[in-house]
Amino acid sequence: MPTQNVNLTSTLDAFVKSQVSQGFYNNASEVHRSALAAMARREEERKLQMERLRSEIQLGIDDAKAGRAAKVISVKGLATMLDGTLEKAIQRLELANAEPLA
């Protein structure tokens, strides 16, 4: 297993030592590996979120190019559209969470 030397602030050093002394980890290396694994998971989740966002943006672009877009020309029109969108989203969520009929 490769070894790396890491310089920590006194606060981080105290945190690592407390994690070991409290029995959450056997040694400092386990604390460091756990922290890095959590960072790697967050980075993977961020990448997946960005992929989903890009996909949704592309769907919007494709819809606009195909003429499936609403033109909003006033604040009131925007509010009405957003209210309708919210209502549809709530209905979809309620249907997704509904109990099946016996």
PDB file of N, CA and C in Angstrom:
ATOM      1  N   MET A   1       0.853  -1.175   0.000  1.00  0.00           N
ATOM      2  CA  MET A   1       0.000   0.000   0.000  1.00  0.00           C
ATOM      3  C   MET A   1       0.900   1.239   0.000  1.00  0.00           C
ATOM      4  N   PRO A   2       0.686   2.167  -0.927  1.00  0.00           N
ATOM      5  CA  PRO A   2       1.514   3.376  -0.979  1.00  0.00           C
ATOM      6  C   PRO A   2       1.388   4.197   0.298  1.00  0.00           C
ATOM      7  N   THR A   3       2.456   4.883   0.635  1.00  0.00           N
ATOM      8  CA  THR A   3       2.484   5.729   1.822  1.00  0.00           C
ATOM      9  C   THR A   3       2.654   7.177   1.400  1.00  0.00           C
ATOM     10  N   GLN A   4       1.933   8.075   2.073  1.00  0.00           N
ATOM     11  CA  GLN A   4       2.086   9.510   1.842  1.00  0.00           C
ATOM     12  C   GLN A   4       2.195  10.189   3.194  1.00  0.00           C
ATOM     13  N   ASN A   5       3.070  11.166   3.271  1.00  0.00           N
ATOM     14  CA  ASN A   5       3.163  11.970   4.484  1.00  0.00           C
ATOM     15  C   ASN A   5       2.217  13.147   4.336  1.00  0.00           C
ATOM     16  N   VAL A   6       1.473  13.440   5.396  1.00  0.00           N
ATOM     17  CA  VAL A   6       0.481  14.505   5.355  1.00  0.00           C
ATOM     18  C   VAL A   6       0.724  15.463   6.512  1.00  0.00           C
ATOM     19  N   ASN A   7       0.768  16.754   6.212  1.00  0.00           N
ATOM     20  CA  ASN A   7       0.871  17.766   7.257  1.00  0.00           C
ATOM     21  C   ASN A   7      -0.529  18.243   7.604  1.00  0.00           C
ATOM     22  N   LEU A   8      -0.864  18.171   8.903  1.00  0.00           N
ATOM     23  CA  LEU A   8      -2.188  18.569   9.363  1.00  0.00           C
ATOM     24  C   LEU A   8      -2.086  19.809  10.239  1.00  0.00           C
ATOM     25  N   THR A   9      -3.174  20.570  10.225  1.00  0.00           N
ATOM     26  CA  THR A   9      -3.249  21.666  11.193  1.00  0.00           C
ATOM     27  C   THR A   9      -3.418  21.048  12.579  1.00  0.00           C
ATOM     28  N   SER A  10      -3.189  21.805  13.612  1.00  0.00           N
ATOM     29  CA  SER A  10      -3.337  21.275  14.970  1.00  0.00           C
ATOM     30  C   SER A  10      -4.790  20.862  15.230  1.00  0.00           C
ATOM     31  N   THR A  11      -5.737  21.582  14.639  1.00  0.00           N
ATOM     32  CA  THR A  11      -7.146  21.237  14.808  1.00  0.00           C
ATOM     33  C   THR A  11      -7.463  19.891  14.176  1.00  0.00           C
ATOM     34  N   LEU A  12      -6.980  19.678  12.954  1.00  0.00           N
ATOM     35  CA  LEU A  12      -7.227  18.392  12.290  1.00  0.00           C
ATOM     36  C   LEU A  12      -6.495  17.260  13.004  1.00  0.00           C
ATOM     37  N   ASP A  13      -5.299  17.525  13.477  1.00  0.00           N
ATOM     38  CA  ASP A  13      -4.545  16.514  14.220  1.00  0.00           C
ATOM     39  C   ASP A  13      -5.310  16.098  15.472  1.00  0.00           C
ATOM     40  N   ALA A  14      -5.850  17.081  16.192  1.00  0.00           N
ATOM     41  CA  ALA A  14      -6.629  16.773  17.394  1.00  0.00           C
ATOM     42  C   ALA A  14      -7.871  15.969  17.037  1.00  0.00           C
ATOM     43  N   PHE A  15      -8.503  16.307  15.911  1.00  0.00           N
ATOM     44  CA  PHE A  15      -9.696  15.568  15.478  1.00  0.00           C
ATOM     45  C   PHE A  15      -9.354  14.113  15.181  1.00  0.00           C
ATOM     46  N   VAL A  16      -8.276  13.887  14.444  1.00  0.00           N
ATOM     47  CA  VAL A  16      -7.863  12.520  14.110  1.00  0.00           C
ATOM     48  C   VAL A  16      -7.587  11.745  15.395  1.00  0.00           C
ATOM     49  N   LYS A  17      -6.857  12.343  16.289  1.00  0.00           N
ATOM     50  CA  LYS A  17      -6.528  11.669  17.554  1.00  0.00           C
ATOM     51  C   LYS A  17      -7.788  11.366  18.366  1.00  0.00           C
ATOM     52  N   SER A  18      -8.757  12.280  18.352  1.00  0.00           N
ATOM     53  CA  SER A  18      -9.990  12.036  19.099  1.00  0.00           C
ATOM     54  C   SER A  18     -10.788  10.892  18.488  1.00  0.00           C
ATOM     55  N   GLN A  19     -10.788  10.787  17.161  1.00  0.00           N
ATOM     56  CA  GLN A  19     -11.502   9.691  16.499  1.00  0.00           C
ATOM     57  C   GLN A  19     -10.905   8.348  16.890  1.00  0.00           C
ATOM     58  N   VAL A  20      -9.583   8.301  16.980  1.00  0.00           N
ATOM     59  CA  VAL A  20      -8.904   7.063  17.373  1.00  0.00           C
ATOM     60  C   VAL A  20      -9.140   6.789  18.859  1.00  0.00           C
ATOM     61  N   SER A  21      -8.977   7.814  19.696  1.00  0.00           N
ATOM     62  CA  SER A  21      -9.117   7.608  21.146  1.00  0.00           C
ATOM     63  C   SER A  21     -10.545   7.222  21.534  1.00  0.00           C
ATOM     64  N   GLN A  22     -11.525   7.677  20.770  1.00  0.00           N
ATOM     65  CA  GLN A  22     -12.919   7.313  21.043  1.00  0.00           C
ATOM     66  C   GLN A  22     -13.271   5.928  20.506  1.00  0.00           C
ATOM     67  N   GLY A  23     -12.339   5.308  19.798  1.00  0.00           N
ATOM     68  CA  GLY A  23     -12.551   3.956  19.313  1.00  0.00           C
ATOM     69  C   GLY A  23     -13.275   3.859  17.988  1.00  0.00           C
ATOM     70  N   PHE A  24     -13.481   5.006  17.324  1.00  0.00           N
ATOM     71  CA  PHE A  24     -14.140   4.953  16.020  1.00  0.00           C
ATOM     72  C   PHE A  24     -13.226   4.341  14.957  1.00  0.00           C
ATOM     73  N   TYR A  25     -11.932   4.497  15.121  1.00  0.00           N
ATOM     74  CA  TYR A  25     -10.926   3.964  14.198  1.00  0.00           C
ATOM     75  C   TYR A  25      -9.786   3.382  15.024  1.00  0.00           C
ATOM     76  N   ASN A  26      -9.051   2.452  14.409  1.00  0.00           N
ATOM     77  CA  ASN A  26      -7.921   1.831  15.104  1.00  0.00           C
ATOM     78  C   ASN A  26      -6.666   2.689  15.071  1.00  0.00           C
ATOM     79  N   ASN A  27      -6.545   3.505  14.026  1.00  0.00           N
ATOM     80  CA  ASN A  27      -5.354   4.337  13.904  1.00  0.00           C
ATOM     81  C   ASN A  27      -5.617   5.517  12.974  1.00  0.00           C
ATOM     82  N   ALA A  28      -4.656   6.416  12.900  1.00  0.00           N
ATOM     83  CA  ALA A  28      -4.802   7.629  12.094  1.00  0.00           C
ATOM     84  C   ALA A  28      -4.990   7.305  10.614  1.00  0.00           C
ATOM     85  N   SER A  29      -4.324   6.272  10.124  1.00  0.00           N
ATOM     86  CA  SER A  29      -4.456   5.922   8.708  1.00  0.00           C
ATOM     87  C   SER A  29      -5.891   5.579   8.352  1.00  0.00           C
ATOM     88  N   GLU A  30      -6.590   4.884   9.250  1.00  0.00           N
ATOM     89  CA  GLU A  30      -7.989   4.559   8.986  1.00  0.00           C
ATOM     90  C   GLU A  30      -8.847   5.821   8.921  1.00  0.00           C
ATOM     91  N   VAL A  31      -8.556   6.794   9.771  1.00  0.00           N
ATOM     92  CA  VAL A  31      -9.292   8.052   9.741  1.00  0.00           C
ATOM     93  C   VAL A  31      -9.070   8.738   8.400  1.00  0.00           C
ATOM     94  N   HIS A  32      -7.817   8.801   7.969  1.00  0.00           N
ATOM     95  CA  HIS A  32      -7.476   9.460   6.704  1.00  0.00           C
ATOM     96  C   HIS A  32      -8.147   8.747   5.530  1.00  0.00           C
ATOM     97  N   ARG A  33      -8.102   7.411   5.509  1.00  0.00           N
ATOM     98  CA  ARG A  33      -8.725   6.657   4.418  1.00  0.00           C
ATOM     99  C   ARG A  33     -10.241   6.888   4.388  1.00  0.00           C
ATOM    100  N   SER A  34     -10.836   6.916   5.572  1.00  0.00           N
ATOM    101  CA  SER A  34     -12.282   7.147   5.645  1.00  0.00           C
ATOM    102  C   SER A  34     -12.643   8.527   5.111  1.00  0.00           C
ATOM    103  N   ALA A  35     -11.866   9.527   5.486  1.00  0.00           N
ATOM    104  CA  ALA A  35     -12.124  10.891   5.013  1.00  0.00           C
ATOM    105  C   ALA A  35     -11.972  10.973   3.493  1.00  0.00           C
ATOM    106  N   LEU A  36     -10.936  10.352   2.965  1.00  0.00           N
ATOM    107  CA  LEU A  36     -10.720  10.377   1.520  1.00  0.00           C
ATOM    108  C   LEU A  36     -11.809   9.603   0.778  1.00  0.00           C
ATOM    109  N   ALA A  37     -12.256   8.499   1.350  1.00  0.00           N
ATOM    110  CA  ALA A  37     -13.341   7.738   0.724  1.00  0.00           C
ATOM    111  C   ALA A  37     -14.617   8.572   0.678  1.00  0.00           C
ATOM    112  N   ALA A  38     -14.898   9.319   1.750  1.00  0.00           N
ATOM    113  CA  ALA A  38     -16.081  10.188   1.764  1.00  0.00           C
ATOM    114  C   ALA A  38     -15.954  11.278   0.707  1.00  0.00           C
ATOM    115  N   MET A  39     -14.763  11.840   0.558  1.00  0.00           N
ATOM    116  CA  MET A  39     -14.543  12.852  -0.484  1.00  0.00           C
ATOM    117  C   MET A  39     -14.766  12.260  -1.860  1.00  0.00           C
ATOM    118  N   ALA A  40     -14.279  11.046  -2.080  1.00  0.00           N
ATOM    119  CA  ALA A  40     -14.436  10.396  -3.384  1.00  0.00           C
ATOM    120  C   ALA A  40     -15.906  10.133  -3.682  1.00  0.00           C
ATOM    121  N   ARG A  41     -16.679   9.714  -2.660  1.00  0.00           N
ATOM    122  CA  ARG A  41     -18.121   9.496  -2.861  1.00  0.00           C
ATOM    123  C   ARG A  41     -18.821  10.800  -3.208  1.00  0.00           C
ATOM    124  N   ARG A  42     -18.486  11.877  -2.493  1.00  0.00           N
ATOM    125  CA  ARG A  42     -19.101  13.180  -2.788  1.00  0.00           C
ATOM    126  C   ARG A  42     -18.767  13.630  -4.202  1.00  0.00           C
ATOM    127  N   GLU A  43     -17.539  13.415  -4.619  1.00  0.00           N
ATOM    128  CA  GLU A  43     -17.141  13.802  -5.975  1.00  0.00           C
ATOM    129  C   GLU A  43     -17.914  12.996  -7.013  1.00  0.00           C
ATOM    130  N   GLU A  44     -18.098  11.713  -6.782  1.00  0.00           N
ATOM    131  CA  GLU A  44     -18.859  10.870  -7.699  1.00  0.00           C
ATOM    132  C   GLU A  44     -20.314  11.329  -7.763  1.00  0.00           C
ATOM    133  N   GLU A  45     -20.901  11.649  -6.605  1.00  0.00           N
ATOM    134  CA  GLU A  45     -22.273  12.156  -6.578  1.00  0.00           C
ATOM    135  C   GLU A  45     -22.373  13.479  -7.331  1.00  0.00           C
ATOM    136  N   ARG A  46     -21.382  14.353  -7.165  1.00  0.00           N
ATOM    137  CA  ARG A  46     -21.376  15.637  -7.871  1.00  0.00           C
ATOM    138  C   ARG A  46     -21.323  15.419  -9.379  1.00  0.00           C
ATOM    139  N   LYS A  47     -20.492  14.471  -9.810  1.00  0.00           N
ATOM    140  CA  LYS A  47     -20.401  14.166 -11.243  1.00  0.00           C
ATOM    141  C   LYS A  47     -21.735  13.658 -11.777  1.00  0.00           C
ATOM    142  N   LEU A  48     -22.387  12.770 -11.026  1.00  0.00           N
ATOM    143  CA  LEU A  48     -23.687  12.251 -11.457  1.00  0.00           C
ATOM    144  C   LEU A  48     -24.731  13.362 -11.513  1.00  0.00           C
ATOM    145  N   GLN A  49     -24.718  14.263 -10.525  1.00  0.00           N
ATOM    146  CA  GLN A  49     -25.651  15.385 -10.542  1.00  0.00           C
ATOM    147  C   GLN A  49     -25.407  16.277 -11.756  1.00  0.00           C
ATOM    148  N   MET A  50     -24.157  16.514 -12.088  1.00  0.00           N
ATOM    149  CA  MET A  50     -23.838  17.347 -13.250  1.00  0.00           C
ATOM    150  C   MET A  50     -24.289  16.659 -14.541  1.00  0.00           C
ATOM    151  N   GLU A  51     -24.115  15.345 -14.635  1.00  0.00           N
ATOM    152  CA  GLU A  51     -24.577  14.616 -15.814  1.00  0.00           C
ATOM    153  C   GLU A  51     -26.089  14.723 -15.957  1.00  0.00           C
ATOM    154  N   ARG A  52     -26.824  14.561 -14.824  1.00  0.00           N
ATOM    155  CA  ARG A  52     -28.286  14.681 -14.874  1.00  0.00           C
ATOM    156  C   ARG A  52     -28.692  16.093 -15.262  1.00  0.00           C
ATOM    157  N   LEU A  53     -28.013  17.086 -14.711  1.00  0.00           N
ATOM    158  CA  LEU A  53     -28.336  18.475 -15.039  1.00  0.00           C
ATOM    159  C   LEU A  53     -28.099  18.752 -16.516  1.00  0.00           C
ATOM    160  N   ARG A  54     -26.963  18.289 -17.048  1.00  0.00           N
ATOM    161  CA  ARG A  54     -26.685  18.483 -18.472  1.00  0.00           C
ATOM    162  C   ARG A  54     -27.743  17.799 -19.333  1.00  0.00           C
ATOM    163  N   SER A  55     -28.167  16.617 -18.906  1.00  0.00           N
ATOM    164  CA  SER A  55     -29.189  15.885 -19.643  1.00  0.00           C
ATOM    165  C   SER A  55     -30.510  16.641 -19.641  1.00  0.00           C
ATOM    166  N   GLU A  56     -30.896  17.181 -18.486  1.00  0.00           N
ATOM    167  CA  GLU A  56     -32.141  17.944 -18.396  1.00  0.00           C
ATOM    168  C   GLU A  56     -32.054  19.229 -19.221  1.00  0.00           C
ATOM    169  N   ILE A  57     -30.914  19.869 -19.201  1.00  0.00           N
ATOM    170  CA  ILE A  57     -30.732  21.084 -20.014  1.00  0.00           C
ATOM    171  C   ILE A  57     -30.869  20.742 -21.492  1.00  0.00           C
ATOM    172  N   GLN A  58     -30.264  19.613 -21.898  1.00  0.00           N
ATOM    173  CA  GLN A  58     -30.359  19.212 -23.300  1.00  0.00           C
ATOM    174  C   GLN A  58     -31.795  18.914 -23.687  1.00  0.00           C
ATOM    175  N   LEU A  59     -32.558  18.293 -22.777  1.00  0.00           N
ATOM    176  CA  LEU A  59     -33.972  18.047 -23.058  1.00  0.00           C
ATOM    177  C   LEU A  59     -34.705  19.369 -23.296  1.00  0.00           C
ATOM    178  N   GLY A  60     -34.394  20.369 -22.479  1.00  0.00           N
ATOM    179  CA  GLY A  60     -35.017  21.682 -22.663  1.00  0.00           C
ATOM    180  C   GLY A  60     -34.635  22.314 -23.982  1.00  0.00           C
ATOM    181  N   ILE A  61     -33.380  22.193 -24.346  1.00  0.00           N
ATOM    182  CA  ILE A  61     -32.916  22.734 -25.631  1.00  0.00           C
ATOM    183  C   ILE A  61     -33.618  22.026 -26.785  1.00  0.00           C
ATOM    184  N   ASP A  62     -33.697  20.695 -26.686  1.00  0.00           N
ATOM    185  CA  ASP A  62     -34.361  19.919 -27.739  1.00  0.00           C
ATOM    186  C   ASP A  62     -35.837  20.293 -27.845  1.00  0.00           C
ATOM    187  N   ASP A  63     -36.498  20.462 -26.686  1.00  0.00           N
ATOM    188  CA  ASP A  63     -37.907  20.863 -26.706  1.00  0.00           C
ATOM    189  C   ASP A  63     -38.073  22.229 -27.355  1.00  0.00           C
ATOM    190  N   ALA A  64     -37.218  23.168 -27.013  1.00  0.00           N
ATOM    191  CA  ALA A  64     -37.312  24.517 -27.578  1.00  0.00           C
ATOM    192  C   ALA A  64     -37.113  24.479 -29.093  1.00  0.00           C
ATOM    193  N   LYS A  65     -36.125  23.699 -29.540  1.00  0.00           N
ATOM    194  CA  LYS A  65     -35.874  23.598 -30.982  1.00  0.00           C
ATOM    195  C   LYS A  65     -37.035  22.953 -31.716  1.00  0.00           C
ATOM    196  N   ALA A  66     -37.757  22.051 -31.030  1.00  0.00           N
ATOM    197  CA  ALA A  66     -38.890  21.359 -31.647  1.00  0.00           C
ATOM    198  C   ALA A  66     -40.188  22.148 -31.492  1.00  0.00           C
ATOM    199  N   GLY A  67     -40.101  23.328 -30.901  1.00  0.00           N
ATOM    200  CA  GLY A  67     -41.295  24.153 -30.743  1.00  0.00           C
ATOM    201  C   GLY A  67     -42.142  23.803 -29.542  1.00  0.00           C
ATOM    202  N   ARG A  68     -41.609  22.988 -28.658  1.00  0.00           N
ATOM    203  CA  ARG A  68     -42.354  22.608 -27.449  1.00  0.00           C
ATOM    204  C   ARG A  68     -41.900  23.481 -26.282  1.00  0.00           C
ATOM    205  N   ALA A  69     -42.147  24.768 -26.404  1.00  0.00           N
ATOM    206  CA  ALA A  69     -41.754  25.706 -25.359  1.00  0.00           C
ATOM    207  C   ALA A  69     -42.805  26.787 -25.234  1.00  0.00           C
ATOM    208  N   ALA A  70     -42.968  27.276 -24.022  1.00  0.00           N
ATOM    209  CA  ALA A  70     -43.936  28.354 -23.793  1.00  0.00           C
ATOM    210  C   ALA A  70     -43.180  29.677 -23.757  1.00  0.00           C
ATOM    211  N   LYS A  71     -43.770  30.675 -24.375  1.00  0.00           N
ATOM    212  CA  LYS A  71     -43.172  32.000 -24.349  1.00  0.00           C
ATOM    213  C   LYS A  71     -43.814  32.773 -23.211  1.00  0.00           C
ATOM    214  N   VAL A  72     -42.984  33.243 -22.285  1.00  0.00           N
ATOM    215  CA  VAL A  72     -43.473  33.997 -21.138  1.00  0.00           C
ATOM    216  C   VAL A  72     -43.078  35.451 -21.355  1.00  0.00           C
ATOM    217  N   ILE A  73     -44.090  36.325 -21.335  1.00  0.00           N
ATOM    218  CA  ILE A  73     -43.801  37.726 -21.637  1.00  0.00           C
ATOM    219  C   ILE A  73     -44.119  38.670 -20.487  1.00  0.00           C
ATOM    220  N   SER A  74     -44.547  38.097 -19.347  1.00  0.00           N
ATOM    221  CA  SER A  74     -44.839  38.964 -18.204  1.00  0.00           C
ATOM    222  C   SER A  74     -44.537  38.219 -16.907  1.00  0.00           C
ATOM    223  N   VAL A  75     -44.391  38.967 -15.838  1.00  0.00           N
ATOM    224  CA  VAL A  75     -44.150  38.369 -14.530  1.00  0.00           C
ATOM    225  C   VAL A  75     -45.354  37.525 -14.117  1.00  0.00           C
ATOM    226  N   LYS A  76     -46.561  38.036 -14.401  1.00  0.00           N
ATOM    227  CA  LYS A  76     -47.775  37.288 -14.070  1.00  0.00           C
ATOM    228  C   LYS A  76     -47.822  35.966 -14.846  1.00  0.00           C
ATOM    229  N   GLY A  77     -47.451  36.011 -16.113  1.00  0.00           N
ATOM    230  CA  GLY A  77     -47.415  34.790 -16.920  1.00  0.00           C
ATOM    231  C   GLY A  77     -46.401  33.791 -16.378  1.00  0.00           C
ATOM    232  N   LEU A  78     -45.267  34.286 -15.938  1.00  0.00           N
ATOM    233  CA  LEU A  78     -44.248  33.410 -15.350  1.00  0.00           C
ATOM    234  C   LEU A  78     -44.769  32.791 -14.061  1.00  0.00           C
ATOM    235  N   ALA A  79     -45.406  33.595 -13.213  1.00  0.00           N
ATOM    236  CA  ALA A  79     -45.957  33.091 -11.953  1.00  0.00           C
ATOM    237  C   ALA A  79     -47.001  32.017 -12.210  1.00  0.00           C
ATOM    238  N   THR A  80     -47.857  32.245 -13.188  1.00  0.00           N
ATOM    239  CA  THR A  80     -48.898  31.272 -13.526  1.00  0.00           C
ATOM    240  C   THR A  80     -48.272  29.972 -14.013  1.00  0.00           C
ATOM    241  N   MET A  81     -47.276  30.083 -14.883  1.00  0.00           N
ATOM    242  CA  MET A  81     -46.613  28.891 -15.398  1.00  0.00           C
ATOM    243  C   MET A  81     -45.934  28.114 -14.273  1.00  0.00           C
ATOM    244  N   LEU A  82     -45.229  28.818 -13.381  1.00  0.00           N
ATOM    245  CA  LEU A  82     -44.532  28.156 -12.281  1.00  0.00           C
ATOM    246  C   LEU A  82     -45.511  27.508 -11.310  1.00  0.00           C
ATOM    247  N   ASP A  83     -46.629  28.178 -11.037  1.00  0.00           N
ATOM    248  CA  ASP A  83     -47.649  27.584 -10.169  1.00  0.00           C
ATOM    249  C   ASP A  83     -48.169  26.285 -10.769  1.00  0.00           C
ATOM    250  N   GLY A  84     -48.437  26.289 -12.065  1.00  0.00           N
ATOM    251  CA  GLY A  84     -48.910  25.081 -12.733  1.00  0.00           C
ATOM    252  C   GLY A  84     -47.881  23.970 -12.703  1.00  0.00           C
ATOM    253  N   THR A  85     -46.638  24.343 -12.891  1.00  0.00           N
ATOM    254  CA  THR A  85     -45.555  23.355 -12.853  1.00  0.00           C
ATOM    255  C   THR A  85     -45.430  22.752 -11.468  1.00  0.00           C
ATOM    256  N   LEU A  86     -45.540  23.591 -10.448  1.00  0.00           N
ATOM    257  CA  LEU A  86     -45.467  23.106  -9.067  1.00  0.00           C
ATOM    258  C   LEU A  86     -46.611  22.146  -8.782  1.00  0.00           C
ATOM    259  N   GLU A  87     -47.799  22.496  -9.207  1.00  0.00           N
ATOM    260  CA  GLU A  87     -48.959  21.623  -8.985  1.00  0.00           C
ATOM    261  C   GLU A  87     -48.751  20.265  -9.655  1.00  0.00           C
ATOM    262  N   LYS A  88     -48.259  20.271 -10.885  1.00  0.00           N
ATOM    263  CA  LYS A  88     -48.008  19.008 -11.588  1.00  0.00           C
ATOM    264  C   LYS A  88     -46.948  18.188 -10.859  1.00  0.00           C
ATOM    265  N   ALA A  89     -45.912  18.837 -10.379  1.00  0.00           N
ATOM    266  CA  ALA A  89     -44.847  18.130  -9.661  1.00  0.00           C
ATOM    267  C   ALA A  89     -45.381  17.514  -8.375  1.00  0.00           C
ATOM    268  N   ILE A  90     -46.220  18.252  -7.663  1.00  0.00           N
ATOM    269  CA  ILE A  90     -46.809  17.731  -6.424  1.00  0.00           C
ATOM    270  C   ILE A  90     -47.695  16.525  -6.730  1.00  0.00           C
ATOM    271  N   GLN A  91     -48.489  16.617  -7.786  1.00  0.00           N
ATOM    272  CA  GLN A  91     -49.358  15.492  -8.156  1.00  0.00           C
ATOM    273  C   GLN A  91     -48.527  14.259  -8.508  1.00  0.00           C
ATOM    274  N   ARG A  92     -47.453  14.457  -9.265  1.00  0.00           N
ATOM    275  CA  ARG A  92     -46.589  13.316  -9.628  1.00  0.00           C
ATOM    276  C   ARG A  92     -45.963  12.693  -8.391  1.00  0.00           C
ATOM    277  N   LEU A  93     -45.511  13.538  -7.474  1.00  0.00           N
ATOM    278  CA  LEU A  93     -44.911  13.041  -6.240  1.00  0.00           C
ATOM    279  C   LEU A  93     -45.922  12.277  -5.412  1.00  0.00           C
ATOM    280  N   GLU A  94     -47.139  12.803  -5.302  1.00  0.00           N
ATOM    281  CA  GLU A  94     -48.189  12.119  -4.550  1.00  0.00           C
ATOM    282  C   GLU A  94     -48.524  10.783  -5.193  1.00  0.00           C
ATOM    283  N   LEU A  95     -48.596  10.726  -6.518  1.00  0.00           N
ATOM    284  CA  LEU A  95     -48.879   9.459  -7.204  1.00  0.00           C
ATOM    285  C   LEU A  95     -47.751   8.459  -6.995  1.00  0.00           C
ATOM    286  N   ALA A  96     -46.522   8.948  -7.028  1.00  0.00           N
ATOM    287  CA  ALA A  96     -45.372   8.054  -6.854  1.00  0.00           C
ATOM    288  C   ALA A  96     -45.343   7.476  -5.442  1.00  0.00           C
ATOM    289  N   ASN A  97     -45.827   8.219  -4.467  1.00  0.00           N
ATOM    290  CA  ASN A  97     -45.804   7.772  -3.075  1.00  0.00           C
ATOM    291  C   ASN A  97     -47.110   7.162  -2.607  1.00  0.00           C
ATOM    292  N   ALA A  98     -48.092   7.073  -3.511  1.00  0.00           N
ATOM    293  CA  ALA A  98     -49.410   6.558  -3.138  1.00  0.00           C
ATOM    294  C   ALA A  98     -49.354   5.074  -2.822  1.00  0.00           C
ATOM    295  N   GLU A  99     -50.202   4.676  -1.892  1.00  0.00           N
ATOM    296  CA  GLU A  99     -50.341   3.259  -1.564  1.00  0.00           C
ATOM    297  C   GLU A  99     -51.165   2.568  -2.640  1.00  0.00           C
ATOM    298  N   PRO A 100     -50.757   1.393  -3.069  1.00  0.00           N
ATOM    299  CA  PRO A 100     -51.565   0.685  -4.078  1.00  0.00           C
ATOM    300  C   PRO A 100     -52.924   0.291  -3.497  1.00  0.00           C
ATOM    301  N   LEU A 101     -53.951   0.331  -4.344  1.00  0.00           N
ATOM    302  CA  LEU A 101     -55.291  -0.072  -3.913  1.00  0.00           C
ATOM    303  C   LEU A 101     -55.342  -1.578  -3.751  1.00  0.00           C
ATOM    304  N   ALA A 102     -56.055  -2.026  -2.716  1.00  0.00           N
ATOM    305  CA  ALA A 102     -56.138  -3.468  -2.446  1.00  0.00           C
ATOM    306  C   ALA A 102     -57.111  -4.156  -3.367  1.00  0.00           C
TER     307      ALA A 102
END
